[in-house]
Amino acid sequence: MEKTSNKNTLAPSTILGVSIEVTVLIHGYSILMVVFNALRLLAFKK
């Protein structure tokens, strides 16, 4: 599982001057992507 995706989106968007509201939204959606990917992997049957 990739736990670093949250850090990979939060820091660059802040450094690039994106407003804090948009940065928080990006961070929240990246967390959802990680959770849905984990659920998808759990549901995967060989």
Protein backbone atom coordinates (compact mmCIF):
# COMPACT_ATOMS: atom_id res chain seq x y z
CA MET A 1 0.00 0.00 0.00
CA GLU A 2 1.29 3.44 -0.83
CA LYS A 3 1.12 5.65 2.23
CA THR A 4 3.32 8.39 0.80
CA SER A 5 0.81 9.67 -1.76
CA ASN A 6 -0.64 12.09 0.78
CA LYS A 7 2.75 13.69 1.37
CA ASN A 8 3.43 13.67 -2.36
CA THR A 9 0.39 15.84 -3.03
CA LEU A 10 0.29 18.07 0.03
CA ALA A 11 3.80 19.53 0.06
CA PRO A 12 4.18 20.32 -3.68
CA SER A 13 0.79 21.99 -3.92
CA THR A 14 1.65 24.23 -0.97
CA ILE A 15 5.06 25.06 -2.39
CA LEU A 16 3.58 25.87 -5.81
CA GLY A 17 1.40 28.54 -4.24
CA VAL A 18 -1.96 26.80 -4.48
CA SER A 19 -4.41 28.21 -1.94
CA ILE A 20 -4.73 26.30 1.32
CA GLU A 21 -8.36 25.39 0.59
CA VAL A 22 -7.46 23.71 -2.69
CA THR A 23 -4.48 22.03 -1.01
CA VAL A 24 -6.75 20.56 1.66
CA LEU A 25 -9.14 19.29 -1.02
CA ILE A 26 -6.29 17.68 -2.95
CA HIS A 27 -5.05 16.08 0.25
CA GLY A 28 -8.52 14.76 1.12
CA TYR A 29 -9.07 13.27 -2.33
CA SER A 30 -5.66 11.61 -2.27
CA ILE A 31 -6.60 9.93 1.02
CA LEU A 32 -9.83 8.69 -0.57
CA MET A 33 -7.88 7.31 -3.51
CA VAL A 34 -5.62 5.35 -1.15
CA VAL A 35 -8.61 3.99 0.79
CA PHE A 36 -10.51 2.95 -2.35
CA ASN A 37 -7.42 1.32 -3.77
CA ALA A 38 -6.97 -0.66 -0.54
CA LEU A 39 -10.62 -1.75 -0.65
CA ARG A 40 -10.21 -2.76 -4.28
CA LEU A 41 -7.19 -4.88 -3.40
CA LEU A 42 -9.04 -6.50 -0.49
CA ALA A 43 -11.93 -7.41 -2.78
CA PHE A 44 -9.60 -8.86 -5.43
CA LYS A 45 -9.97 -12.62 -5.76
CA LYS A 46 -7.35 -14.74 -7.46
